[in-house]
Amino acid sequence: MTQPRQPSGYISVEGLRVFAYHGVEPQETQVGNTFEVSVTVAFPCEHAMRTDRLDLTINYAEIVDIIKAEMNFPSKLLEHVAFRIYEAITRRFIQVTGGTISIYKLQPPIEAELSRVGFCFRW
């Protein structure tokens, strides 16, 4: 006999804008750039849904604080920044079962007309 599946939900932070100093080019680490970060995390949500208790869900304000803290440490690669965000979130919220992190550089030092470049990570 199979166990009934527990409902899984998502907490999303979309389009958080952060000024930071990530990049390979010297100008990027000196002048900085505006980045847009989105994070979605999956977790078993039935208890939070039934009880209306904040301690049984994932606090999106804490997700924002984690993103901002990790964006403060310069990296050459957005992949590295995304991994640090992933590690910090999964360390803080052990109930997370999956998610996505997207980090976009809004004004990349590229001779091209485009709106943004970035890296997306799913686990």
PDB file of N, CA and C in Angstrom:
ATOM      1  N   MET A   1       0.845  -1.181   0.000  1.00  0.00           N
ATOM      2  CA  MET A   1       0.000   0.000   0.000  1.00  0.00           C
ATOM      3  C   MET A   1       0.892   1.246   0.000  1.00  0.00           C
ATOM      4  N   THR A   2       0.580   2.201  -0.851  1.00  0.00           N
ATOM      5  CA  THR A   2       1.382   3.417  -0.954  1.00  0.00           C
ATOM      6  C   THR A   2       0.879   4.468   0.025  1.00  0.00           C
ATOM      7  N   GLN A   3       1.814   5.257   0.501  1.00  0.00           N
ATOM      8  CA  GLN A   3       1.487   6.360   1.400  1.00  0.00           C
ATOM      9  C   GLN A   3       0.894   7.505   0.589  1.00  0.00           C
ATOM     10  N   PRO A   4      -0.105   8.216   1.136  1.00  0.00           N
ATOM     11  CA  PRO A   4      -0.602   9.400   0.439  1.00  0.00           C
ATOM     12  C   PRO A   4       0.507  10.447   0.362  1.00  0.00           C
ATOM     13  N   ARG A   5       0.550  11.113  -0.760  1.00  0.00           N
ATOM     14  CA  ARG A   5       1.569  12.146  -0.956  1.00  0.00           C
ATOM     15  C   ARG A   5       1.251  13.394  -0.166  1.00  0.00           C
ATOM     16  N   GLN A   6       2.251  13.920   0.512  1.00  0.00           N
ATOM     17  CA  GLN A   6       2.065  15.173   1.241  1.00  0.00           C
ATOM     18  C   GLN A   6       2.133  16.323   0.247  1.00  0.00           C
ATOM     19  N   PRO A   7       1.230  17.295   0.372  1.00  0.00           N
ATOM     20  CA  PRO A   7       1.273  18.436  -0.544  1.00  0.00           C
ATOM     21  C   PRO A   7       2.620  19.152  -0.483  1.00  0.00           C
ATOM     22  N   SER A   8       3.092  19.553  -1.644  1.00  0.00           N
ATOM     23  CA  SER A   8       4.332  20.306  -1.745  1.00  0.00           C
ATOM     24  C   SER A   8       3.996  21.676  -2.316  1.00  0.00           C
ATOM     25  N   GLY A   9       4.563  22.698  -1.715  1.00  0.00           N
ATOM     26  CA  GLY A   9       4.326  24.058  -2.182  1.00  0.00           C
ATOM     27  C   GLY A   9       5.630  24.753  -2.475  1.00  0.00           C
ATOM     28  N   TYR A  10       5.524  25.988  -2.913  1.00  0.00           N
ATOM     29  CA  TYR A  10       6.687  26.789  -3.300  1.00  0.00           C
ATOM     30  C   TYR A  10       6.608  28.156  -2.657  1.00  0.00           C
ATOM     31  N   ILE A  11       7.742  28.628  -2.212  1.00  0.00           N
ATOM     32  CA  ILE A  11       7.890  30.021  -1.787  1.00  0.00           C
ATOM     33  C   ILE A  11       8.766  30.681  -2.839  1.00  0.00           C
ATOM     34  N   SER A  12       8.338  31.835  -3.340  1.00  0.00           N
ATOM     35  CA  SER A  12       9.087  32.523  -4.397  1.00  0.00           C
ATOM     36  C   SER A  12       9.437  33.937  -3.996  1.00  0.00           C
ATOM     37  N   VAL A  13      10.645  34.310  -4.342  1.00  0.00           N
ATOM     38  CA  VAL A  13      11.105  35.700  -4.275  1.00  0.00           C
ATOM     39  C   VAL A  13      11.484  36.027  -5.711  1.00  0.00           C
ATOM     40  N   GLU A  14      10.800  36.976  -6.320  1.00  0.00           N
ATOM     41  CA  GLU A  14      10.987  37.269  -7.744  1.00  0.00           C
ATOM     42  C   GLU A  14      11.521  38.678  -7.956  1.00  0.00           C
ATOM     43  N   GLY A  15      12.591  38.769  -8.719  1.00  0.00           N
ATOM     44  CA  GLY A  15      13.076  40.066  -9.182  1.00  0.00           C
ATOM     45  C   GLY A  15      13.683  40.961  -8.127  1.00  0.00           C
ATOM     46  N   LEU A  16      14.329  40.379  -7.123  1.00  0.00           N
ATOM     47  CA  LEU A  16      15.011  41.186  -6.115  1.00  0.00           C
ATOM     48  C   LEU A  16      16.206  41.872  -6.765  1.00  0.00           C
ATOM     49  N   ARG A  17      16.249  43.185  -6.708  1.00  0.00           N
ATOM     50  CA  ARG A  17      17.362  43.940  -7.306  1.00  0.00           C
ATOM     51  C   ARG A  17      18.393  44.265  -6.239  1.00  0.00           C
ATOM     52  N   VAL A  18      19.640  43.930  -6.565  1.00  0.00           N
ATOM     53  CA  VAL A  18      20.754  44.112  -5.639  1.00  0.00           C
ATOM     54  C   VAL A  18      21.939  44.678  -6.410  1.00  0.00           C
ATOM     55  N   PHE A  19      22.590  45.676  -5.840  1.00  0.00           N
ATOM     56  CA  PHE A  19      23.811  46.200  -6.441  1.00  0.00           C
ATOM     57  C   PHE A  19      24.976  45.415  -5.854  1.00  0.00           C
ATOM     58  N   ALA A  20      25.854  44.888  -6.727  1.00  0.00           N
ATOM     59  CA  ALA A  20      26.967  44.059  -6.253  1.00  0.00           C
ATOM     60  C   ALA A  20      28.150  44.165  -7.208  1.00  0.00           C
ATOM     61  N   TYR A  21      29.216  43.463  -6.876  1.00  0.00           N
ATOM     62  CA  TYR A  21      30.491  43.572  -7.591  1.00  0.00           C
ATOM     63  C   TYR A  21      30.961  42.219  -8.127  1.00  0.00           C
ATOM     64  N   HIS A  22      30.121  41.524  -8.850  1.00  0.00           N
ATOM     65  CA  HIS A  22      30.472  40.227  -9.421  1.00  0.00           C
ATOM     66  C   HIS A  22      30.905  40.400 -10.876  1.00  0.00           C
ATOM     67  N   GLY A  23      31.917  39.630 -11.276  1.00  0.00           N
ATOM     68  CA  GLY A  23      32.329  39.654 -12.669  1.00  0.00           C
ATOM     69  C   GLY A  23      33.800  39.326 -12.832  1.00  0.00           C
ATOM     70  N   VAL A  24      34.161  39.048 -14.065  1.00  0.00           N
ATOM     71  CA  VAL A  24      35.530  38.686 -14.406  1.00  0.00           C
ATOM     72  C   VAL A  24      36.354  39.923 -14.735  1.00  0.00           C
ATOM     73  N   GLU A  25      35.742  40.879 -15.403  1.00  0.00           N
ATOM     74  CA  GLU A  25      36.449  42.088 -15.829  1.00  0.00           C
ATOM     75  C   GLU A  25      36.743  42.996 -14.627  1.00  0.00           C
ATOM     76  N   PRO A  26      37.918  43.616 -14.595  1.00  0.00           N
ATOM     77  CA  PRO A  26      38.262  44.507 -13.475  1.00  0.00           C
ATOM     78  C   PRO A  26      37.224  45.609 -13.249  1.00  0.00           C
ATOM     79  N   GLN A  27      36.673  46.136 -14.327  1.00  0.00           N
ATOM     80  CA  GLN A  27      35.663  47.193 -14.203  1.00  0.00           C
ATOM     81  C   GLN A  27      34.461  46.710 -13.388  1.00  0.00           C
ATOM     82  N   GLU A  28      34.066  45.455 -13.574  1.00  0.00           N
ATOM     83  CA  GLU A  28      32.892  44.924 -12.873  1.00  0.00           C
ATOM     84  C   GLU A  28      33.106  44.862 -11.368  1.00  0.00           C
ATOM     85  N   THR A  29      34.328  44.571 -10.953  1.00  0.00           N
ATOM     86  CA  THR A  29      34.599  44.471  -9.526  1.00  0.00           C
ATOM     87  C   THR A  29      34.875  45.833  -8.890  1.00  0.00           C
ATOM     88  N   GLN A  30      35.100  46.844  -9.719  1.00  0.00           N
ATOM     89  CA  GLN A  30      35.344  48.190  -9.198  1.00  0.00           C
ATOM     90  C   GLN A  30      34.098  49.062  -9.265  1.00  0.00           C
ATOM     91  N   VAL A  31      33.415  49.027 -10.399  1.00  0.00           N
ATOM     92  CA  VAL A  31      32.244  49.875 -10.610  1.00  0.00           C
ATOM     93  C   VAL A  31      30.963  49.214 -10.091  1.00  0.00           C
ATOM     94  N   GLY A  32      30.875  47.902 -10.229  1.00  0.00           N
ATOM     95  CA  GLY A  32      29.678  47.182  -9.800  1.00  0.00           C
ATOM     96  C   GLY A  32      28.590  47.183 -10.853  1.00  0.00           C
ATOM     97  N   ASN A  33      27.493  46.545 -10.524  1.00  0.00           N
ATOM     98  CA  ASN A  33      26.395  46.378 -11.461  1.00  0.00           C
ATOM     99  C   ASN A  33      25.124  46.086 -10.678  1.00  0.00           C
ATOM    100  N   THR A  34      23.999  46.286 -11.319  1.00  0.00           N
ATOM    101  CA  THR A  34      22.731  45.900 -10.724  1.00  0.00           C
ATOM    102  C   THR A  34      22.397  44.483 -11.183  1.00  0.00           C
ATOM    103  N   PHE A  35      22.023  43.651 -10.223  1.00  0.00           N
ATOM    104  CA  PHE A  35      21.662  42.265 -10.488  1.00  0.00           C
ATOM    105  C   PHE A  35      20.214  42.050 -10.083  1.00  0.00           C
ATOM    106  N   GLU A  36      19.586  41.114 -10.762  1.00  0.00           N
ATOM    107  CA  GLU A  36      18.221  40.727 -10.419  1.00  0.00           C
ATOM    108  C   GLU A  36      18.244  39.253 -10.047  1.00  0.00           C
ATOM    109  N   VAL A  37      17.753  38.947  -8.858  1.00  0.00           N
ATOM    110  CA  VAL A  37      17.796  37.579  -8.347  1.00  0.00           C
ATOM    111  C   VAL A  37      16.377  37.097  -8.069  1.00  0.00           C
ATOM    112  N   SER A  38      16.100  35.865  -8.517  1.00  0.00           N
ATOM    113  CA  SER A  38      14.831  35.202  -8.211  1.00  0.00           C
ATOM    114  C   SER A  38      15.134  33.831  -7.632  1.00  0.00           C
ATOM    115  N   VAL A  39      14.404  33.477  -6.583  1.00  0.00           N
ATOM    116  CA  VAL A  39      14.582  32.187  -5.920  1.00  0.00           C
ATOM    117  C   VAL A  39      13.208  31.584  -5.672  1.00  0.00           C
ATOM    118  N   THR A  40      13.080  30.307  -5.984  1.00  0.00           N
ATOM    119  CA  THR A  40      11.883  29.543  -5.654  1.00  0.00           C
ATOM    120  C   THR A  40      12.337  28.290  -4.930  1.00  0.00           C
ATOM    121  N   VAL A  41      11.722  28.005  -3.783  1.00  0.00           N
ATOM    122  CA  VAL A  41      12.060  26.795  -3.043  1.00  0.00           C
ATOM    123  C   VAL A  41      10.803  25.966  -2.796  1.00  0.00           C
ATOM    124  N   ALA A  42      10.955  24.664  -2.974  1.00  0.00           N
ATOM    125  CA  ALA A  42       9.863  23.710  -2.742  1.00  0.00           C
ATOM    126  C   ALA A  42      10.018  23.110  -1.348  1.00  0.00           C
ATOM    127  N   PHE A  43       8.878  22.830  -0.715  1.00  0.00           N
ATOM    128  CA  PHE A  43       8.911  22.216   0.615  1.00  0.00           C
ATOM    129  C   PHE A  43       7.554  21.573   0.894  1.00  0.00           C
ATOM    130  N   PRO A  44       7.508  20.583   1.799  1.00  0.00           N
ATOM    131  CA  PRO A  44       6.231  19.999   2.197  1.00  0.00           C
ATOM    132  C   PRO A  44       5.447  21.047   2.995  1.00  0.00           C
ATOM    133  N   CYS A  45       4.276  21.400   2.524  1.00  0.00           N
ATOM    134  CA  CYS A  45       3.589  22.565   3.092  1.00  0.00           C
ATOM    135  C   CYS A  45       2.286  22.254   3.828  1.00  0.00           C
ATOM    136  N   GLU A  46       1.918  20.992   3.926  1.00  0.00           N
ATOM    137  CA  GLU A  46       0.612  20.657   4.501  1.00  0.00           C
ATOM    138  C   GLU A  46       0.430  21.193   5.915  1.00  0.00           C
ATOM    139  N   HIS A  47       1.437  21.048   6.773  1.00  0.00           N
ATOM    140  CA  HIS A  47       1.294  21.502   8.166  1.00  0.00           C
ATOM    141  C   HIS A  47       1.105  23.016   8.238  1.00  0.00           C
ATOM    142  N   ALA A  48       1.837  23.756   7.434  1.00  0.00           N
ATOM    143  CA  ALA A  48       1.670  25.214   7.422  1.00  0.00           C
ATOM    144  C   ALA A  48       0.281  25.584   6.904  1.00  0.00           C
ATOM    145  N   MET A  49      -0.184  24.859   5.892  1.00  0.00           N
ATOM    146  CA  MET A  49      -1.500  25.147   5.321  1.00  0.00           C
ATOM    147  C   MET A  49      -2.611  24.883   6.335  1.00  0.00           C
ATOM    148  N   ARG A  50      -2.471  23.828   7.104  1.00  0.00           N
ATOM    149  CA  ARG A  50      -3.511  23.457   8.076  1.00  0.00           C
ATOM    150  C   ARG A  50      -3.500  24.314   9.343  1.00  0.00           C
ATOM    151  N   THR A  51      -2.323  24.770   9.749  1.00  0.00           N
ATOM    152  CA  THR A  51      -2.202  25.418  11.062  1.00  0.00           C
ATOM    153  C   THR A  51      -2.049  26.930  11.023  1.00  0.00           C
ATOM    154  N   ASP A  52      -1.665  27.496   9.867  1.00  0.00           N
ATOM    155  CA  ASP A  52      -1.447  28.938   9.753  1.00  0.00           C
ATOM    156  C   ASP A  52      -0.296  29.406  10.643  1.00  0.00           C
ATOM    157  N   ARG A  53       0.720  28.542  10.818  1.00  0.00           N
ATOM    158  CA  ARG A  53       1.871  28.859  11.678  1.00  0.00           C
ATOM    159  C   ARG A  53       3.090  29.185  10.827  1.00  0.00           C
ATOM    160  N   LEU A  54       3.684  30.358  11.091  1.00  0.00           N
ATOM    161  CA  LEU A  54       4.864  30.809  10.359  1.00  0.00           C
ATOM    162  C   LEU A  54       6.046  29.859  10.541  1.00  0.00           C
ATOM    163  N   ASP A  55       6.186  29.271  11.713  1.00  0.00           N
ATOM    164  CA  ASP A  55       7.326  28.391  11.970  1.00  0.00           C
ATOM    165  C   ASP A  55       7.250  27.076  11.191  1.00  0.00           C
ATOM    166  N   LEU A  56       6.145  26.804  10.533  1.00  0.00           N
ATOM    167  CA  LEU A  56       6.001  25.577   9.748  1.00  0.00           C
ATOM    168  C   LEU A  56       6.109  25.833   8.240  1.00  0.00           C
ATOM    169  N   THR A  57       6.453  27.042   7.883  1.00  0.00           N
ATOM    170  CA  THR A  57       6.644  27.369   6.473  1.00  0.00           C
ATOM    171  C   THR A  57       8.057  27.922   6.292  1.00  0.00           C
ATOM    172  N   ILE A  58       8.324  28.470   5.141  1.00  0.00           N
ATOM    173  CA  ILE A  58       9.609  29.110   4.871  1.00  0.00           C
ATOM    174  C   ILE A  58       9.360  30.608   4.773  1.00  0.00           C
ATOM    175  N   ASN A  59      10.026  31.347   5.598  1.00  0.00           N
ATOM    176  CA  ASN A  59       9.841  32.785   5.688  1.00  0.00           C
ATOM    177  C   ASN A  59      10.552  33.462   4.508  1.00  0.00           C
ATOM    178  N   TYR A  60       9.788  34.050   3.601  1.00  0.00           N
ATOM    179  CA  TYR A  60      10.410  34.658   2.418  1.00  0.00           C
ATOM    180  C   TYR A  60      11.269  35.864   2.765  1.00  0.00           C
ATOM    181  N   ALA A  61      10.996  36.528   3.887  1.00  0.00           N
ATOM    182  CA  ALA A  61      11.859  37.637   4.317  1.00  0.00           C
ATOM    183  C   ALA A  61      13.261  37.114   4.661  1.00  0.00           C
ATOM    184  N   GLU A  62      13.340  35.916   5.218  1.00  0.00           N
ATOM    185  CA  GLU A  62      14.650  35.322   5.509  1.00  0.00           C
ATOM    186  C   GLU A  62      15.358  34.928   4.219  1.00  0.00           C
ATOM    187  N   ILE A  63      14.601  34.487   3.216  1.00  0.00           N
ATOM    188  CA  ILE A  63      15.198  34.175   1.908  1.00  0.00           C
ATOM    189  C   ILE A  63      15.812  35.456   1.326  1.00  0.00           C
ATOM    190  N   VAL A  64      15.095  36.564   1.409  1.00  0.00           N
ATOM    191  CA  VAL A  64      15.613  37.848   0.916  1.00  0.00           C
ATOM    192  C   VAL A  64      16.900  38.213   1.656  1.00  0.00           C
ATOM    193  N   ASP A  65      16.914  38.041   2.963  1.00  0.00           N
ATOM    194  CA  ASP A  65      18.120  38.359   3.741  1.00  0.00           C
ATOM    195  C   ASP A  65      19.302  37.484   3.328  1.00  0.00           C
ATOM    196  N   ILE A  66      19.053  36.207   3.063  1.00  0.00           N
ATOM    197  CA  ILE A  66      20.113  35.292   2.617  1.00  0.00           C
ATOM    198  C   ILE A  66      20.660  35.747   1.271  1.00  0.00           C
ATOM    199  N   ILE A  67      19.775  36.073   0.337  1.00  0.00           N
ATOM    200  CA  ILE A  67      20.206  36.524  -0.991  1.00  0.00           C
ATOM    201  C   ILE A  67      21.079  37.769  -0.859  1.00  0.00           C
ATOM    202  N   LYS A  68      20.585  38.757  -0.112  1.00  0.00           N
ATOM    203  CA  LYS A  68      21.336  40.003   0.037  1.00  0.00           C
ATOM    204  C   LYS A  68      22.696  39.764   0.680  1.00  0.00           C
ATOM    205  N   ALA A  69      22.763  38.908   1.678  1.00  0.00           N
ATOM    206  CA  ALA A  69      24.029  38.620   2.346  1.00  0.00           C
ATOM    207  C   ALA A  69      25.023  37.971   1.388  1.00  0.00           C
ATOM    208  N   GLU A  70      24.575  36.996   0.606  1.00  0.00           N
ATOM    209  CA  GLU A  70      25.481  36.298  -0.309  1.00  0.00           C
ATOM    210  C   GLU A  70      25.885  37.179  -1.488  1.00  0.00           C
ATOM    211  N   MET A  71      25.019  38.066  -1.911  1.00  0.00           N
ATOM    212  CA  MET A  71      25.354  38.983  -3.010  1.00  0.00           C
ATOM    213  C   MET A  71      26.416  39.995  -2.582  1.00  0.00           C
ATOM    214  N   ASN A  72      26.607  40.197  -1.278  1.00  0.00           N
ATOM    215  CA  ASN A  72      27.613  41.133  -0.769  1.00  0.00           C
ATOM    216  C   ASN A  72      29.043  40.647  -0.947  1.00  0.00           C
ATOM    217  N   PHE A  73      29.236  39.343  -1.178  1.00  0.00           N
ATOM    218  CA  PHE A  73      30.583  38.790  -1.340  1.00  0.00           C
ATOM    219  C   PHE A  73      30.895  38.650  -2.828  1.00  0.00           C
ATOM    220  N   PRO A  74      31.818  39.454  -3.357  1.00  0.00           N
ATOM    221  CA  PRO A  74      32.127  39.422  -4.792  1.00  0.00           C
ATOM    222  C   PRO A  74      32.628  38.053  -5.257  1.00  0.00           C
ATOM    223  N   SER A  75      32.173  37.668  -6.441  1.00  0.00           N
ATOM    224  CA  SER A  75      32.623  36.444  -7.105  1.00  0.00           C
ATOM    225  C   SER A  75      32.857  36.749  -8.566  1.00  0.00           C
ATOM    226  N   LYS A  76      33.715  35.980  -9.201  1.00  0.00           N
ATOM    227  CA  LYS A  76      33.902  36.114 -10.640  1.00  0.00           C
ATOM    228  C   LYS A  76      32.691  35.572 -11.388  1.00  0.00           C
ATOM    229  N   LEU A  77      32.159  34.447 -10.917  1.00  0.00           N
ATOM    230  CA  LEU A  77      31.093  33.753 -11.650  1.00  0.00           C
ATOM    231  C   LEU A  77      29.761  33.815 -10.915  1.00  0.00           C
ATOM    232  N   LEU A  78      28.694  34.038 -11.675  1.00  0.00           N
ATOM    233  CA  LEU A  78      27.350  33.985 -11.093  1.00  0.00           C
ATOM    234  C   LEU A  78      27.026  32.578 -10.610  1.00  0.00           C
ATOM    235  N   GLU A  79      27.635  31.576 -11.222  1.00  0.00           N
ATOM    236  CA  GLU A  79      27.457  30.196 -10.796  1.00  0.00           C
ATOM    237  C   GLU A  79      27.896  30.028  -9.336  1.00  0.00           C
ATOM    238  N   HIS A  80      28.998  30.684  -8.989  1.00  0.00           N
ATOM    239  CA  HIS A  80      29.511  30.614  -7.624  1.00  0.00           C
ATOM    240  C   HIS A  80      28.562  31.297  -6.646  1.00  0.00           C
ATOM    241  N   VAL A  81      28.034  32.433  -7.025  1.00  0.00           N
ATOM    242  CA  VAL A  81      27.084  33.158  -6.174  1.00  0.00           C
ATOM    243  C   VAL A  81      25.827  32.311  -5.973  1.00  0.00           C
ATOM    244  N   ALA A  82      25.308  31.725  -7.053  1.00  0.00           N
ATOM    245  CA  ALA A  82      24.106  30.896  -6.958  1.00  0.00           C
ATOM    246  C   ALA A  82      24.330  29.716  -6.019  1.00  0.00           C
ATOM    247  N   PHE A  83      25.502  29.105  -6.100  1.00  0.00           N
ATOM    248  CA  PHE A  83      25.784  27.965  -5.236  1.00  0.00           C
ATOM    249  C   PHE A  83      25.836  28.379  -3.771  1.00  0.00           C
ATOM    250  N   ARG A  84      26.409  29.548  -3.494  1.00  0.00           N
ATOM    251  CA  ARG A  84      26.443  30.031  -2.114  1.00  0.00           C
ATOM    252  C   ARG A  84      25.030  30.296  -1.589  1.00  0.00           C
ATOM    253  N   ILE A  85      24.173  30.871  -2.429  1.00  0.00           N
ATOM    254  CA  ILE A  85      22.778  31.114  -2.032  1.00  0.00           C
ATOM    255  C   ILE A  85      22.093  29.783  -1.749  1.00  0.00           C
ATOM    256  N   TYR A  86      22.283  28.814  -2.648  1.00  0.00           N
ATOM    257  CA  TYR A  86      21.719  27.470  -2.475  1.00  0.00           C
ATOM    258  C   TYR A  86      22.164  26.859  -1.141  1.00  0.00           C
ATOM    259  N   GLU A  87      23.470  26.900  -0.876  1.00  0.00           N
ATOM    260  CA  GLU A  87      23.981  26.311   0.367  1.00  0.00           C
ATOM    261  C   GLU A  87      23.394  27.001   1.599  1.00  0.00           C
ATOM    262  N   ALA A  88      23.315  28.321   1.569  1.00  0.00           N
ATOM    263  CA  ALA A  88      22.785  29.064   2.721  1.00  0.00           C
ATOM    264  C   ALA A  88      21.309  28.761   2.947  1.00  0.00           C
ATOM    265  N   ILE A  89      20.531  28.684   1.877  1.00  0.00           N
ATOM    266  CA  ILE A  89      19.096  28.392   2.006  1.00  0.00           C
ATOM    267  C   ILE A  89      18.878  26.980   2.523  1.00  0.00           C
ATOM    268  N   THR A  90      19.565  26.000   1.944  1.00  0.00           N
ATOM    269  CA  THR A  90      19.332  24.608   2.357  1.00  0.00           C
ATOM    270  C   THR A  90      19.900  24.325   3.749  1.00  0.00           C
ATOM    271  N   ARG A  91      20.887  25.107   4.187  1.00  0.00           N
ATOM    272  CA  ARG A  91      21.393  24.982   5.560  1.00  0.00           C
ATOM    273  C   ARG A  91      20.363  25.551   6.544  1.00  0.00           C
ATOM    274  N   ARG A  92      19.772  26.690   6.194  1.00  0.00           N
ATOM    275  CA  ARG A  92      18.800  27.348   7.089  1.00  0.00           C
ATOM    276  C   ARG A  92      17.459  26.624   7.107  1.00  0.00           C
ATOM    277  N   PHE A  93      17.009  26.144   5.950  1.00  0.00           N
ATOM    278  CA  PHE A  93      15.697  25.506   5.838  1.00  0.00           C
ATOM    279  C   PHE A  93      15.881  24.057   5.385  1.00  0.00           C
ATOM    280  N   ILE A  94      16.020  23.152   6.346  1.00  0.00           N
ATOM    281  CA  ILE A  94      16.302  21.757   5.996  1.00  0.00           C
ATOM    282  C   ILE A  94      15.119  21.077   5.313  1.00  0.00           C
ATOM    283  N   GLN A  95      13.940  21.658   5.405  1.00  0.00           N
ATOM    284  CA  GLN A  95      12.757  21.064   4.788  1.00  0.00           C
ATOM    285  C   GLN A  95      12.668  21.321   3.280  1.00  0.00           C
ATOM    286  N   VAL A  96      13.559  22.134   2.737  1.00  0.00           N
ATOM    287  CA  VAL A  96      13.552  22.423   1.298  1.00  0.00           C
ATOM    288  C   VAL A  96      13.877  21.148   0.524  1.00  0.00           C
ATOM    289  N   THR A  97      13.047  20.845  -0.478  1.00  0.00           N
ATOM    290  CA  THR A  97      13.222  19.629  -1.280  1.00  0.00           C
ATOM    291  C   THR A  97      13.689  19.912  -2.705  1.00  0.00           C
ATOM    292  N   GLY A  98      13.733  21.164  -3.090  1.00  0.00           N
ATOM    293  CA  GLY A  98      14.174  21.532  -4.433  1.00  0.00           C
ATOM    294  C   GLY A  98      13.963  23.011  -4.642  1.00  0.00           C
ATOM    295  N   GLY A  99      14.385  23.477  -5.811  1.00  0.00           N
ATOM    296  CA  GLY A  99      14.182  24.888  -6.087  1.00  0.00           C
ATOM    297  C   GLY A  99      14.938  25.369  -7.303  1.00  0.00           C
ATOM    298  N   THR A 100      14.851  26.666  -7.520  1.00  0.00           N
ATOM    299  CA  THR A 100      15.578  27.316  -8.608  1.00  0.00           C
ATOM    300  C   THR A 100      16.145  28.638  -8.106  1.00  0.00           C
ATOM    301  N   ILE A 101      17.293  28.995  -8.670  1.00  0.00           N
ATOM    302  CA  ILE A 101      17.912  30.285  -8.406  1.00  0.00           C
ATOM    303  C   ILE A 101      18.303  30.867  -9.748  1.00  0.00           C
ATOM    304  N   SER A 102      17.885  32.099 -10.011  1.00  0.00           N
ATOM    305  CA  SER A 102      18.265  32.809 -11.230  1.00  0.00           C
ATOM    306  C   SER A 102      18.927  34.120 -10.829  1.00  0.00           C
ATOM    307  N   ILE A 103      20.087  34.380 -11.430  1.00  0.00           N
ATOM    308  CA  ILE A 103      20.798  35.632 -11.175  1.00  0.00           C
ATOM    309  C   ILE A 103      21.108  36.264 -12.524  1.00  0.00           C
ATOM    310  N   TYR A 104      20.653  37.501 -12.704  1.00  0.00           N
ATOM    311  CA  TYR A 104      20.855  38.209 -13.965  1.00  0.00           C
ATOM    312  C   TYR A 104      21.640  39.492 -13.739  1.00  0.00           C
ATOM    313  N   LYS A 105      22.579  39.738 -14.615  1.00  0.00           N
ATOM    314  CA  LYS A 105      23.332  40.994 -14.648  1.00  0.00           C
ATOM    315  C   LYS A 105      22.568  41.905 -15.607  1.00  0.00           C
ATOM    316  N   LEU A 106      22.117  43.057 -15.118  1.00  0.00           N
ATOM    317  CA  LEU A 106      21.231  43.901 -15.925  1.00  0.00           C
ATOM    318  C   LEU A 106      21.972  44.812 -16.898  1.00  0.00           C
ATOM    319  N   GLN A 107      23.233  45.098 -16.636  1.00  0.00           N
ATOM    320  CA  GLN A 107      24.022  45.931 -17.542  1.00  0.00           C
ATOM    321  C   GLN A 107      25.383  45.279 -17.779  1.00  0.00           C
ATOM    322  N   PRO A 108      25.384  44.174 -18.508  1.00  0.00           N
ATOM    323  CA  PRO A 108      26.642  43.450 -18.715  1.00  0.00           C
ATOM    324  C   PRO A 108      27.595  44.243 -19.609  1.00  0.00           C
ATOM    325  N   PRO A 109      28.894  44.076 -19.389  1.00  0.00           N
ATOM    326  CA  PRO A 109      29.879  44.791 -20.214  1.00  0.00           C
ATOM    327  C   PRO A 109      30.084  44.074 -21.556  1.00  0.00           C
ATOM    328  N   ILE A 110      29.033  44.077 -22.350  1.00  0.00           N
ATOM    329  CA  ILE A 110      29.039  43.385 -23.646  1.00  0.00           C
ATOM    330  C   ILE A 110      28.563  44.376 -24.703  1.00  0.00           C
ATOM    331  N   GLU A 111      29.237  44.395 -25.831  1.00  0.00           N
ATOM    332  CA  GLU A 111      28.825  45.261 -26.941  1.00  0.00           C
ATOM    333  C   GLU A 111      27.685  44.583 -27.693  1.00  0.00           C
ATOM    334  N   ALA A 112      26.491  44.700 -27.142  1.00  0.00           N
ATOM    335  CA  ALA A 112      25.300  44.117 -27.760  1.00  0.00           C
ATOM    336  C   ALA A 112      24.075  44.760 -27.121  1.00  0.00           C
ATOM    337  N   GLU A 113      22.996  44.766 -27.858  1.00  0.00           N
ATOM    338  CA  GLU A 113      21.746  45.283 -27.319  1.00  0.00           C
ATOM    339  C   GLU A 113      20.964  44.109 -26.737  1.00  0.00           C
ATOM    340  N   LEU A 114      20.907  44.065 -25.404  1.00  0.00           N
ATOM    341  CA  LEU A 114      20.187  42.982 -24.726  1.00  0.00           C
ATOM    342  C   LEU A 114      19.690  43.490 -23.385  1.00  0.00           C
ATOM    343  N   SER A 115      18.742  42.796 -22.808  1.00  0.00           N
ATOM    344  CA  SER A 115      18.169  43.269 -21.553  1.00  0.00           C
ATOM    345  C   SER A 115      18.897  42.735 -20.327  1.00  0.00           C
ATOM    346  N   ARG A 116      19.474  41.538 -20.427  1.00  0.00           N
ATOM    347  CA  ARG A 116      20.188  40.978 -19.291  1.00  0.00           C
ATOM    348  C   ARG A 116      20.882  39.680 -19.691  1.00  0.00           C
ATOM    349  N   VAL A 117      21.855  39.282 -18.892  1.00  0.00           N
ATOM    350  CA  VAL A 117      22.505  37.985 -19.037  1.00  0.00           C
ATOM    351  C   VAL A 117      22.513  37.346 -17.662  1.00  0.00           C
ATOM    352  N   GLY A 118      22.561  36.018 -17.600  1.00  0.00           N
ATOM    353  CA  GLY A 118      22.525  35.426 -16.286  1.00  0.00           C
ATOM    354  C   GLY A 118      22.774  33.947 -16.240  1.00  0.00           C
ATOM    355  N   PHE A 119      22.545  33.409 -15.063  1.00  0.00           N
ATOM    356  CA  PHE A 119      22.726  31.998 -14.771  1.00  0.00           C
ATOM    357  C   PHE A 119      21.519  31.509 -13.962  1.00  0.00           C
ATOM    358  N   CYS A 120      21.021  30.337 -14.335  1.00  0.00           N
ATOM    359  CA  CYS A 120      19.905  29.721 -13.633  1.00  0.00           C
ATOM    360  C   CYS A 120      20.325  28.333 -13.167  1.00  0.00           C
ATOM    361  N   PHE A 121      19.940  27.979 -11.950  1.00  0.00           N
ATOM    362  CA  PHE A 121      20.323  26.722 -11.325  1.00  0.00           C
ATOM    363  C   PHE A 121      19.067  26.065 -10.761  1.00  0.00           C
ATOM    364  N   ARG A 122      18.898  24.785 -11.037  1.00  0.00           N
ATOM    365  CA  ARG A 122      17.744  24.036 -10.521  1.00  0.00           C
ATOM    366  C   ARG A 122      18.249  22.790  -9.812  1.00  0.00           C
ATOM    367  N   TRP A 123      17.664  22.502  -8.684  1.00  0.00           N
ATOM    368  CA  TRP A 123      18.007  21.256  -7.977  1.00  0.00           C
ATOM    369  C   TRP A 123      16.767  20.554  -7.510  1.00  0.00           C
TER     370      TRP A 123
END
